[in-house]
Amino acid sequence: LTFSQMTSEMMEMYQAWLWNRGVGQNTVAFYLRTLRTLYNKAVEAGQAPPNDIFSHVQTANVRTAKRAITVKEIRKIEKLDLPRGFSLDKARDLFLISFYLRGMAFVDMAFLKKTDLKCSMVNYNRRKTHQNLNIEWMKPMQTIIDKYAEQTKDSPYLLPILTGKETSPYTAYRKVEHNTNYNLKKIGEMVGLKIPLTTYVARHTWASVALHMNIPIATISEGMGHNSFKTTQIYLQSLDMATINEANARIIRKIRLSECNEK
């Protein structure tokens, strides 16, 4: 495909094709922004015509729906009576260890190796940002690892997601992620969640809980491996609706109480 073949209509078709594949709106916008940057560099280099072919597609991010749950709901998931060793139980364990590991992304969990755990610290590089992170290893994490020790004994990986024998590890991890999310949605329904439970909810929830504990955003940003403080601020905008609603309820209760006292 040459730059001269790229048109506004083609970009609209590309956007529609991505949407039809089920790609999220902000992810589509990210792909289009990346492509636009490349095209603009080609224009500067005199290798592409100076046309605004991205004028009719969405390249700005939109605020995402709330994808965090409460500490009380996390405890419900922890205490849920599930048959040990079956798919629902494994999905629950992977969700919880993601939360314990500061909302570690599923892809990073999948490729986490046993050699990454040394001296009670997990050291790994985020696949998305290549940022190096260190996480203190704690008892709840070890409890889950011990539970699957037999399953992972011949694997180089720490968690029971990949075995190390896959011909296509990326395809294999995506399949496990799909199955995990399928089972997590069932678990979410079992505990009465108002949003679909997915592996990504663990990451949002860690950030949300940290925010509600008044942990500085700079610390949250570092903990999540974000490249910039601004990224974390945008990320947290969609998390704090519960706090706003709680504040509103407290204000209303205070006004109603004042009315009663006056009477």
C-alpha atoms as a PDB file:
ATOM      1  CA  LEU A   1       0.000   0.000   0.000  1.00  0.00           C
ATOM      2  CA  THR A   2       1.494   3.330  -1.063  1.00  0.00           C
ATOM      3  CA  PHE A   3       0.788   6.617   0.712  1.00  0.00           C
ATOM      4  CA  SER A   4      -0.865   7.981  -2.431  1.00  0.00           C
ATOM      5  CA  GLN A   5      -3.424   5.152  -2.262  1.00  0.00           C
ATOM      6  CA  MET A   6      -4.493   6.140   1.265  1.00  0.00           C
ATOM      7  CA  THR A   7      -7.694   8.203   1.172  1.00  0.00           C
ATOM      8  CA  SER A   8     -10.247   9.591   3.611  1.00  0.00           C
ATOM      9  CA  GLU A   9     -12.732   6.908   2.508  1.00  0.00           C
ATOM     10  CA  MET A  10     -10.155   4.185   3.156  1.00  0.00           C
ATOM     11  CA  MET A  11      -9.561   5.471   6.696  1.00  0.00           C
ATOM     12  CA  GLU A  12     -13.314   5.435   7.375  1.00  0.00           C
ATOM     13  CA  MET A  13     -13.500   1.858   6.082  1.00  0.00           C
ATOM     14  CA  TYR A  14     -10.509   0.885   8.251  1.00  0.00           C
ATOM     15  CA  GLN A  15     -12.198   2.394  11.317  1.00  0.00           C
ATOM     16  CA  ALA A  16     -15.445   0.518  10.559  1.00  0.00           C
ATOM     17  CA  TRP A  17     -13.513  -2.723  10.004  1.00  0.00           C
ATOM     18  CA  LEU A  18     -11.864  -2.409  13.422  1.00  0.00           C
ATOM     19  CA  TRP A  19     -15.186  -1.674  15.128  1.00  0.00           C
ATOM     20  CA  ASN A  20     -16.785  -4.695  13.448  1.00  0.00           C
ATOM     21  CA  ARG A  21     -14.012  -6.875  14.862  1.00  0.00           C
ATOM     22  CA  GLY A  22     -15.034  -5.755  18.359  1.00  0.00           C
ATOM     23  CA  VAL A  23     -12.007  -3.544  18.975  1.00  0.00           C
ATOM     24  CA  GLY A  24     -12.678  -0.921  21.681  1.00  0.00           C
ATOM     25  CA  GLN A  25     -13.265   2.694  20.643  1.00  0.00           C
ATOM     26  CA  ASN A  26     -10.172   4.047  22.409  1.00  0.00           C
ATOM     27  CA  THR A  27      -8.012   1.273  20.951  1.00  0.00           C
ATOM     28  CA  VAL A  28      -9.291   2.107  17.460  1.00  0.00           C
ATOM     29  CA  ALA A  29      -8.461   5.782  18.115  1.00  0.00           C
ATOM     30  CA  PHE A  30      -4.949   4.744  19.221  1.00  0.00           C
ATOM     31  CA  TYR A  31      -4.367   2.765  16.006  1.00  0.00           C
ATOM     32  CA  LEU A  32      -5.589   5.677  13.887  1.00  0.00           C
ATOM     33  CA  ARG A  33      -3.432   8.214  15.743  1.00  0.00           C
ATOM     34  CA  THR A  34      -0.376   6.012  15.205  1.00  0.00           C
ATOM     35  CA  LEU A  35      -1.156   5.698  11.504  1.00  0.00           C
ATOM     36  CA  ARG A  36      -1.759   9.467  11.261  1.00  0.00           C
ATOM     37  CA  THR A  37       1.645  10.167  12.843  1.00  0.00           C
ATOM     38  CA  LEU A  38       3.326   7.903  10.305  1.00  0.00           C
ATOM     39  CA  TYR A  39       1.433   9.563   7.434  1.00  0.00           C
ATOM     40  CA  ASN A  40       2.351  13.063   8.645  1.00  0.00           C
ATOM     41  CA  LYS A  41       6.028  12.078   8.780  1.00  0.00           C
ATOM     42  CA  ALA A  42       5.727  10.851   5.188  1.00  0.00           C
ATOM     43  CA  VAL A  43       4.196  14.213   4.205  1.00  0.00           C
ATOM     44  CA  GLU A  44       7.113  16.054   5.847  1.00  0.00           C
ATOM     45  CA  ALA A  45       9.552  13.829   3.965  1.00  0.00           C
ATOM     46  CA  GLY A  46       7.776  14.567   0.674  1.00  0.00           C
ATOM     47  CA  GLN A  47       6.695  10.940   0.262  1.00  0.00           C
ATOM     48  CA  ALA A  48       2.935  11.470   0.730  1.00  0.00           C
ATOM     49  CA  PRO A  49       0.440  14.047  -0.589  1.00  0.00           C
ATOM     50  CA  PRO A  50      -0.522  16.699   2.025  1.00  0.00           C
ATOM     51  CA  ASN A  51      -4.155  15.601   2.371  1.00  0.00           C
ATOM     52  CA  ASP A  52      -6.158  15.499   5.595  1.00  0.00           C
ATOM     53  CA  ILE A  53      -7.313  11.905   5.205  1.00  0.00           C
ATOM     54  CA  PHE A  54      -8.086  11.511   8.932  1.00  0.00           C
ATOM     55  CA  SER A  55     -10.660  14.324   9.191  1.00  0.00           C
ATOM     56  CA  HIS A  56     -13.674  11.981   9.224  1.00  0.00           C
ATOM     57  CA  VAL A  57     -12.454   9.374  11.728  1.00  0.00           C
ATOM     58  CA  GLN A  58     -12.375   9.411  15.533  1.00  0.00           C
ATOM     59  CA  THR A  59      -8.809   9.826  16.820  1.00  0.00           C
ATOM     60  CA  ALA A  60      -9.550  11.302  20.269  1.00  0.00           C
ATOM     61  CA  ASN A  61     -10.096   9.129  23.331  1.00  0.00           C
ATOM     62  CA  VAL A  62     -13.495   9.024  25.025  1.00  0.00           C
ATOM     63  CA  ARG A  63     -14.135   8.532  28.715  1.00  0.00           C
ATOM     64  CA  THR A  64     -14.617   4.843  29.387  1.00  0.00           C
ATOM     65  CA  ALA A  65     -17.298   3.337  31.596  1.00  0.00           C
ATOM     66  CA  LYS A  66     -16.440   2.556  35.209  1.00  0.00           C
ATOM     67  CA  ARG A  67     -14.631  -0.787  35.393  1.00  0.00           C
ATOM     68  CA  ALA A  68     -13.719  -0.958  39.080  1.00  0.00           C
ATOM     69  CA  ILE A  69     -15.399  -2.819  41.930  1.00  0.00           C
ATOM     70  CA  THR A  70     -15.317  -2.224  45.667  1.00  0.00           C
ATOM     71  CA  VAL A  71     -13.232  -3.857  48.401  1.00  0.00           C
ATOM     72  CA  LYS A  72     -16.444  -5.454  49.684  1.00  0.00           C
ATOM     73  CA  GLU A  73     -17.043  -7.029  46.271  1.00  0.00           C
ATOM     74  CA  ILE A  74     -13.435  -8.266  46.105  1.00  0.00           C
ATOM     75  CA  ARG A  75     -14.024 -10.026  49.430  1.00  0.00           C
ATOM     76  CA  LYS A  76     -17.209 -11.601  48.080  1.00  0.00           C
ATOM     77  CA  ILE A  77     -15.221 -13.002  45.162  1.00  0.00           C
ATOM     78  CA  GLU A  78     -12.505 -14.293  47.531  1.00  0.00           C
ATOM     79  CA  LYS A  79     -15.055 -16.052  49.765  1.00  0.00           C
ATOM     80  CA  LEU A  80     -17.177 -17.472  46.955  1.00  0.00           C
ATOM     81  CA  ASP A  81     -17.521 -21.252  47.340  1.00  0.00           C
ATOM     82  CA  LEU A  82     -16.274 -22.695  44.034  1.00  0.00           C
ATOM     83  CA  PRO A  83     -15.265 -26.280  43.161  1.00  0.00           C
ATOM     84  CA  ARG A  84     -11.500 -26.442  43.689  1.00  0.00           C
ATOM     85  CA  GLY A  85      -9.438 -27.040  40.569  1.00  0.00           C
ATOM     86  CA  PHE A  86     -12.168 -26.242  38.044  1.00  0.00           C
ATOM     87  CA  SER A  87     -12.273 -23.399  35.497  1.00  0.00           C
ATOM     88  CA  LEU A  88     -14.255 -20.970  37.671  1.00  0.00           C
ATOM     89  CA  ASP A  89     -11.837 -21.436  40.573  1.00  0.00           C
ATOM     90  CA  LYS A  90      -8.809 -20.880  38.323  1.00  0.00           C
ATOM     91  CA  ALA A  91     -10.363 -17.740  36.793  1.00  0.00           C
ATOM     92  CA  ARG A  92     -10.985 -16.383  40.301  1.00  0.00           C
ATOM     93  CA  ASP A  93      -7.365 -17.084  41.308  1.00  0.00           C
ATOM     94  CA  LEU A  94      -5.956 -15.359  38.214  1.00  0.00           C
ATOM     95  CA  PHE A  95      -8.174 -12.335  38.865  1.00  0.00           C
ATOM     96  CA  LEU A  96      -7.081 -12.116  42.496  1.00  0.00           C
ATOM     97  CA  ILE A  97      -3.361 -12.480  41.817  1.00  0.00           C
ATOM     98  CA  SER A  98      -3.642  -9.762  39.161  1.00  0.00           C
ATOM     99  CA  PHE A  99      -5.163  -7.510  41.823  1.00  0.00           C
ATOM    100  CA  TYR A 100      -2.501  -8.483  44.395  1.00  0.00           C
ATOM    101  CA  LEU A 101       0.224  -7.721  41.830  1.00  0.00           C
ATOM    102  CA  ARG A 102      -0.896  -4.074  41.572  1.00  0.00           C
ATOM    103  CA  GLY A 103      -3.322  -4.785  38.749  1.00  0.00           C
ATOM    104  CA  MET A 104      -0.782  -6.575  36.569  1.00  0.00           C
ATOM    105  CA  ALA A 105      -1.971  -6.900  32.958  1.00  0.00           C
ATOM    106  CA  PHE A 106      -2.913 -10.426  31.867  1.00  0.00           C
ATOM    107  CA  VAL A 107      -0.249 -10.501  29.138  1.00  0.00           C
ATOM    108  CA  ASP A 108       2.442  -9.692  31.725  1.00  0.00           C
ATOM    109  CA  MET A 109       1.089 -12.376  34.048  1.00  0.00           C
ATOM    110  CA  ALA A 110       1.109 -14.932  31.220  1.00  0.00           C
ATOM    111  CA  PHE A 111       4.803 -14.389  30.440  1.00  0.00           C
ATOM    112  CA  LEU A 112       5.940 -13.968  34.052  1.00  0.00           C
ATOM    113  CA  LYS A 113       8.762 -16.484  34.609  1.00  0.00           C
ATOM    114  CA  LYS A 114       9.814 -18.278  37.765  1.00  0.00           C
ATOM    115  CA  THR A 115      13.208 -16.594  37.408  1.00  0.00           C
ATOM    116  CA  ASP A 116      11.454 -13.202  37.718  1.00  0.00           C
ATOM    117  CA  LEU A 117      10.812 -14.003  41.402  1.00  0.00           C
ATOM    118  CA  LYS A 118      13.952 -13.469  43.470  1.00  0.00           C
ATOM    119  CA  CYS A 119      14.556 -12.466  47.085  1.00  0.00           C
ATOM    120  CA  SER A 120      10.840 -11.942  47.737  1.00  0.00           C
ATOM    121  CA  MET A 121      10.541  -9.518  44.810  1.00  0.00           C
ATOM    122  CA  VAL A 122       8.952  -9.904  41.369  1.00  0.00           C
ATOM    123  CA  ASN A 123      10.897  -8.027  38.706  1.00  0.00           C
ATOM    124  CA  TYR A 124       9.450  -7.724  35.183  1.00  0.00           C
ATOM    125  CA  ASN A 125       9.172  -5.392  32.194  1.00  0.00           C
ATOM    126  CA  ARG A 126       5.688  -4.289  31.106  1.00  0.00           C
ATOM    127  CA  ARG A 127       5.078  -5.460  27.562  1.00  0.00           C
ATOM    128  CA  LYS A 128       3.029  -2.362  26.759  1.00  0.00           C
ATOM    129  CA  THR A 129       5.436   0.339  27.983  1.00  0.00           C
ATOM    130  CA  HIS A 130       8.678  -1.672  28.525  1.00  0.00           C
ATOM    131  CA  GLN A 131       8.868  -0.104  31.981  1.00  0.00           C
ATOM    132  CA  ASN A 132      10.692  -2.145  34.625  1.00  0.00           C
ATOM    133  CA  LEU A 133       8.629  -2.848  37.753  1.00  0.00           C
ATOM    134  CA  ASN A 134       9.418  -4.437  41.118  1.00  0.00           C
ATOM    135  CA  ILE A 135       6.660  -5.857  43.326  1.00  0.00           C
ATOM    136  CA  GLU A 136       7.123  -7.216  46.827  1.00  0.00           C
ATOM    137  CA  TRP A 137       6.079 -10.859  47.012  1.00  0.00           C
ATOM    138  CA  MET A 138       3.470 -11.458  49.708  1.00  0.00           C
ATOM    139  CA  LYS A 139       1.711 -14.426  51.310  1.00  0.00           C
ATOM    140  CA  PRO A 140      -1.609 -14.238  49.350  1.00  0.00           C
ATOM    141  CA  MET A 141       0.376 -14.428  46.098  1.00  0.00           C
ATOM    142  CA  GLN A 142       2.376 -17.444  47.292  1.00  0.00           C
ATOM    143  CA  THR A 143      -0.815 -19.222  48.388  1.00  0.00           C
ATOM    144  CA  ILE A 144      -2.104 -19.106  44.812  1.00  0.00           C
ATOM    145  CA  ILE A 145       1.257 -20.179  43.344  1.00  0.00           C
ATOM    146  CA  ASP A 146       1.434 -23.146  45.736  1.00  0.00           C
ATOM    147  CA  LYS A 147      -2.070 -24.201  44.715  1.00  0.00           C
ATOM    148  CA  TYR A 148      -0.899 -24.709  41.110  1.00  0.00           C
ATOM    149  CA  ALA A 149       2.620 -25.979  41.862  1.00  0.00           C
ATOM    150  CA  GLU A 150       1.903 -29.436  40.419  1.00  0.00           C
ATOM    151  CA  GLN A 151       0.489 -27.905  37.236  1.00  0.00           C
ATOM    152  CA  THR A 152       3.459 -25.569  36.697  1.00  0.00           C
ATOM    153  CA  LYS A 153       6.316 -27.798  37.904  1.00  0.00           C
ATOM    154  CA  ASP A 154       7.664 -28.430  34.365  1.00  0.00           C
ATOM    155  CA  SER A 155       6.931 -24.931  33.097  1.00  0.00           C
ATOM    156  CA  PRO A 156       9.308 -21.957  33.063  1.00  0.00           C
ATOM    157  CA  TYR A 157       6.336 -19.719  33.822  1.00  0.00           C
ATOM    158  CA  LEU A 158       5.187 -18.771  37.300  1.00  0.00           C
ATOM    159  CA  LEU A 159       1.428 -18.898  36.666  1.00  0.00           C
ATOM    160  CA  PRO A 160      -0.755 -21.644  35.128  1.00  0.00           C
ATOM    161  CA  ILE A 161      -1.421 -19.760  31.887  1.00  0.00           C
ATOM    162  CA  LEU A 162       1.328 -20.960  29.516  1.00  0.00           C
ATOM    163  CA  THR A 163       3.295 -24.211  29.684  1.00  0.00           C
ATOM    164  CA  GLY A 164       6.378 -23.216  27.679  1.00  0.00           C
ATOM    165  CA  LYS A 165       5.591 -25.872  25.051  1.00  0.00           C
ATOM    166  CA  GLU A 166       3.294 -23.749  22.873  1.00  0.00           C
ATOM    167  CA  THR A 167       4.211 -23.262  19.215  1.00  0.00           C
ATOM    168  CA  SER A 168       2.458 -19.877  19.341  1.00  0.00           C
ATOM    169  CA  PRO A 169       2.587 -18.501  22.925  1.00  0.00           C
ATOM    170  CA  TYR A 170       0.736 -15.307  21.973  1.00  0.00           C
ATOM    171  CA  THR A 171      -2.222 -17.230  20.490  1.00  0.00           C
ATOM    172  CA  ALA A 172      -2.249 -19.569  23.498  1.00  0.00           C
ATOM    173  CA  TYR A 173      -2.252 -16.739  26.040  1.00  0.00           C
ATOM    174  CA  ARG A 174      -5.115 -14.966  24.212  1.00  0.00           C
ATOM    175  CA  LYS A 175      -7.160 -18.162  24.321  1.00  0.00           C
ATOM    176  CA  VAL A 176      -6.629 -18.530  28.077  1.00  0.00           C
ATOM    177  CA  GLU A 177      -7.490 -14.848  28.560  1.00  0.00           C
ATOM    178  CA  HIS A 178     -10.733 -15.314  26.600  1.00  0.00           C
ATOM    179  CA  ASN A 179     -11.709 -18.367  28.673  1.00  0.00           C
ATOM    180  CA  THR A 180     -10.772 -16.584  31.910  1.00  0.00           C
ATOM    181  CA  ASN A 181     -12.962 -13.585  31.055  1.00  0.00           C
ATOM    182  CA  TYR A 182     -15.834 -15.911  30.127  1.00  0.00           C
ATOM    183  CA  ASN A 183     -15.651 -17.540  33.558  1.00  0.00           C
ATOM    184  CA  LEU A 184     -15.111 -14.247  35.384  1.00  0.00           C
ATOM    185  CA  LYS A 185     -18.364 -12.904  33.952  1.00  0.00           C
ATOM    186  CA  LYS A 186     -20.118 -15.916  35.473  1.00  0.00           C
ATOM    187  CA  ILE A 187     -18.454 -15.205  38.816  1.00  0.00           C
ATOM    188  CA  GLY A 188     -19.503 -11.568  38.595  1.00  0.00           C
ATOM    189  CA  GLU A 189     -23.113 -12.616  38.113  1.00  0.00           C
ATOM    190  CA  MET A 190     -22.841 -15.010  41.065  1.00  0.00           C
ATOM    191  CA  VAL A 191     -21.800 -12.205  43.441  1.00  0.00           C
ATOM    192  CA  GLY A 192     -24.254  -9.690  41.956  1.00  0.00           C
ATOM    193  CA  LEU A 193     -21.870  -7.271  40.254  1.00  0.00           C
ATOM    194  CA  LYS A 194     -23.404  -4.478  38.179  1.00  0.00           C
ATOM    195  CA  ILE A 195     -20.584  -4.548  35.615  1.00  0.00           C
ATOM    196  CA  PRO A 196     -19.064  -7.477  33.671  1.00  0.00           C
ATOM    197  CA  LEU A 197     -16.125  -8.935  35.598  1.00  0.00           C
ATOM    198  CA  THR A 198     -12.988  -9.240  33.451  1.00  0.00           C
ATOM    199  CA  THR A 199      -9.249  -9.467  34.043  1.00  0.00           C
ATOM    200  CA  TYR A 200      -9.000  -5.741  33.314  1.00  0.00           C
ATOM    201  CA  VAL A 201     -11.338  -4.959  36.225  1.00  0.00           C
ATOM    202  CA  ALA A 202      -8.565  -6.099  38.586  1.00  0.00           C
ATOM    203  CA  ARG A 203      -6.276  -3.348  37.253  1.00  0.00           C
ATOM    204  CA  HIS A 204      -8.955  -0.659  37.496  1.00  0.00           C
ATOM    205  CA  THR A 205      -9.918  -1.841  40.970  1.00  0.00           C
ATOM    206  CA  TRP A 206      -6.365  -1.650  42.310  1.00  0.00           C
ATOM    207  CA  ALA A 207      -6.117   1.943  41.109  1.00  0.00           C
ATOM    208  CA  SER A 208      -9.565   2.790  42.487  1.00  0.00           C
ATOM    209  CA  VAL A 209      -8.853   1.315  45.931  1.00  0.00           C
ATOM    210  CA  ALA A 210      -5.520   3.155  46.057  1.00  0.00           C
ATOM    211  CA  LEU A 211      -7.247   6.417  45.145  1.00  0.00           C
ATOM    212  CA  HIS A 212      -9.893   5.963  47.848  1.00  0.00           C
ATOM    213  CA  MET A 213      -7.126   5.307  50.396  1.00  0.00           C
ATOM    214  CA  ASN A 214      -5.724   8.769  49.547  1.00  0.00           C
ATOM    215  CA  ILE A 215      -2.555   7.311  48.059  1.00  0.00           C
ATOM    216  CA  PRO A 216      -0.909  10.029  45.899  1.00  0.00           C
ATOM    217  CA  ILE A 217      -1.600   9.768  42.183  1.00  0.00           C
ATOM    218  CA  ALA A 218       2.150   9.857  41.531  1.00  0.00           C
ATOM    219  CA  THR A 219       2.516   6.684  43.622  1.00  0.00           C
ATOM    220  CA  ILE A 220      -0.412   5.019  41.840  1.00  0.00           C
ATOM    221  CA  SER A 221       1.151   5.944  38.499  1.00  0.00           C
ATOM    222  CA  GLU A 222       4.479   4.394  39.489  1.00  0.00           C
ATOM    223  CA  GLY A 223       2.757   1.293  40.845  1.00  0.00           C
ATOM    224  CA  MET A 224       0.821   0.708  37.634  1.00  0.00           C
ATOM    225  CA  GLY A 225       3.785   1.279  35.365  1.00  0.00           C
ATOM    226  CA  HIS A 226       2.300   4.231  33.504  1.00  0.00           C
ATOM    227  CA  ASN A 227       4.682   6.228  31.362  1.00  0.00           C
ATOM    228  CA  SER A 228       3.349   9.552  32.562  1.00  0.00           C
ATOM    229  CA  PHE A 229       1.480  11.161  35.442  1.00  0.00           C
ATOM    230  CA  LYS A 230      -1.051  12.482  32.896  1.00  0.00           C
ATOM    231  CA  THR A 231      -1.917   8.943  31.784  1.00  0.00           C
ATOM    232  CA  THR A 232      -2.836   8.021  35.348  1.00  0.00           C
ATOM    233  CA  GLN A 233      -4.976  11.142  35.775  1.00  0.00           C
ATOM    234  CA  ILE A 234      -6.961  10.267  32.649  1.00  0.00           C
ATOM    235  CA  TYR A 235      -7.153   6.644  33.800  1.00  0.00           C
ATOM    236  CA  LEU A 236      -8.563   7.598  37.206  1.00  0.00           C
ATOM    237  CA  GLN A 237     -11.241   9.903  35.785  1.00  0.00           C
ATOM    238  CA  SER A 238     -13.435   6.910  34.983  1.00  0.00           C
ATOM    239  CA  LEU A 239     -12.864   5.285  38.380  1.00  0.00           C
ATOM    240  CA  ASP A 240     -14.022   7.828  40.907  1.00  0.00           C
ATOM    241  CA  MET A 241     -17.750   8.040  40.140  1.00  0.00           C
ATOM    242  CA  ALA A 242     -18.515   5.963  43.237  1.00  0.00           C
ATOM    243  CA  THR A 243     -16.755   8.532  45.431  1.00  0.00           C
ATOM    244  CA  ILE A 244     -18.704  11.372  43.804  1.00  0.00           C
ATOM    245  CA  ASN A 245     -22.012   9.555  44.329  1.00  0.00           C
ATOM    246  CA  GLU A 246     -21.069   8.776  47.933  1.00  0.00           C
ATOM    247  CA  ALA A 247     -20.268  12.450  48.539  1.00  0.00           C
ATOM    248  CA  ASN A 248     -23.624  13.462  47.067  1.00  0.00           C
ATOM    249  CA  ALA A 249     -25.448  10.992  49.320  1.00  0.00           C
ATOM    250  CA  ARG A 250     -23.622  12.389  52.378  1.00  0.00           C
ATOM    251  CA  ILE A 251     -24.584  15.944  51.378  1.00  0.00           C
ATOM    252  CA  ILE A 252     -28.238  15.005  50.969  1.00  0.00           C
ATOM    253  CA  ARG A 253     -28.269  13.140  54.296  1.00  0.00           C
ATOM    254  CA  LYS A 254     -26.723  16.184  56.003  1.00  0.00           C
ATOM    255  CA  ILE A 255     -29.375  18.509  54.561  1.00  0.00           C
ATOM    256  CA  ARG A 256     -32.198  16.155  55.563  1.00  0.00           C
ATOM    257  CA  LEU A 257     -30.752  15.844  59.071  1.00  0.00           C
ATOM    258  CA  SER A 258     -30.570  19.636  59.366  1.00  0.00           C
ATOM    259  CA  GLU A 259     -34.232  19.889  58.373  1.00  0.00           C
ATOM    260  CA  CYS A 260     -35.202  17.371  61.083  1.00  0.00           C
ATOM    261  CA  ASN A 261     -33.225  19.271  63.728  1.00  0.00           C
ATOM    262  CA  GLU A 262     -34.933  22.530  62.793  1.00  0.00           C
ATOM    263  CA  LYS A 263     -38.330  20.921  63.246  1.00  0.00           C
END
